[in-house]
Protein backbone atom coordinates (compact mmCIF):
# COMPACT_ATOMS: atom_id res chain seq x y z
CA MET A 1 45.44 51.23 59.44
CA PRO A 2 43.73 54.24 60.26
CA PHE A 3 45.63 57.20 61.86
CA VAL A 4 43.85 58.94 64.87
CA TYR A 5 45.03 62.01 66.02
CA LYS A 6 42.78 64.17 68.67
CA ASP A 7 40.04 61.28 68.66
CA VAL A 8 39.53 61.92 64.99
CA LYS A 9 40.35 59.45 62.58
CA HIS A 10 42.12 59.93 59.18
CA GLU A 11 42.13 57.34 56.38
CA ILE A 12 45.44 58.10 55.10
CA GLY A 13 46.76 54.71 53.19
CA TYR A 14 48.91 53.30 55.56
CA ARG A 15 48.88 49.15 54.97
CA ILE A 16 50.32 46.54 57.34
CA ASP A 17 51.42 43.79 55.22
CA LEU A 18 50.55 41.30 58.40
CA MET A 19 49.49 41.26 61.83
CA VAL A 20 50.09 38.53 64.14
CA ASN A 21 47.36 38.30 67.15
CA ASN A 22 47.48 41.84 67.70
CA LYS A 23 51.22 41.95 68.83
CA VAL A 24 53.68 41.60 66.35
CA ILE A 25 53.42 43.54 62.62
CA VAL A 26 55.47 41.54 59.69
CA GLU A 27 56.43 43.86 56.80
CA VAL A 28 57.32 42.29 53.54
CA LYS A 29 59.65 43.25 51.22
CA SER A 30 61.32 41.75 48.14
CA ILE A 31 63.86 44.49 47.07
CA GLU A 32 67.40 44.26 46.30
CA SER A 33 68.71 46.32 49.80
CA LEU A 34 66.85 47.46 52.30
CA SER A 35 67.59 51.57 52.97
CA PRO A 36 66.63 53.52 56.42
CA VAL A 37 63.49 54.38 55.17
CA HIS A 38 62.29 50.94 55.13
CA PHE A 39 63.07 51.17 58.92
CA ALA A 40 61.41 54.29 59.28
CA GLN A 41 58.41 52.99 57.95
CA THR A 42 58.04 49.90 60.05
CA LEU A 43 58.63 52.52 63.32
CA THR A 44 55.94 54.54 62.03
CA TYR A 45 53.66 51.23 62.09
CA LEU A 46 54.86 50.68 65.44
CA ARG A 47 54.07 54.56 66.62
CA LEU A 48 50.62 54.76 65.18
CA SER A 49 49.42 51.22 66.43
CA GLY A 50 50.85 51.54 69.57
CA LEU A 51 52.61 48.13 69.49
CA LYS A 52 56.13 47.22 70.35
CA LEU A 53 57.38 44.89 67.31
CA VAL A 54 57.61 44.35 63.82
CA LEU A 55 59.54 41.67 61.78
CA LEU A 56 60.85 43.68 58.63
CA ILE A 57 61.74 40.58 56.05
CA ASN A 58 63.45 40.91 52.75
CA PHE A 59 62.48 37.84 50.45
CA ASN A 60 64.87 38.93 47.87
CA SER A 61 68.10 36.90 48.59
CA LYS A 62 69.34 33.39 48.56
CA ILE A 63 69.59 32.96 52.31
CA LEU A 64 67.05 34.51 53.96
CA LYS A 65 68.44 34.05 57.49
CA GLY A 66 70.26 37.47 57.17
CA ASN A 67 67.32 39.44 56.17
CA ILE A 68 64.86 39.31 58.55
CA HIS A 69 65.04 42.28 60.88
CA ARG A 70 63.67 42.84 64.14
CA VAL A 71 62.59 46.24 64.97
CA VAL A 72 61.16 47.34 68.24
CA ASN A 73 59.79 50.47 70.25
CA ASN A 74 60.08 51.23 73.78
CA LEU A 75 61.43 48.22 74.84
């Protein structure tokens, strides 16, 4: 995802895992536990993309149900 500031496009290396219909970002992790930096990362993606919703999914568990987090911006 490019970062645009004052009409100048910067390629600074933000990589979204998945974007669905240009409306929802899906960020996939496989780590022991999510930390606040992972939620901050998703908020950064929302601010830069102008979208409103991210699903943060951590696959490193036996039961996936408790590891799907909905992160929203300005709703």
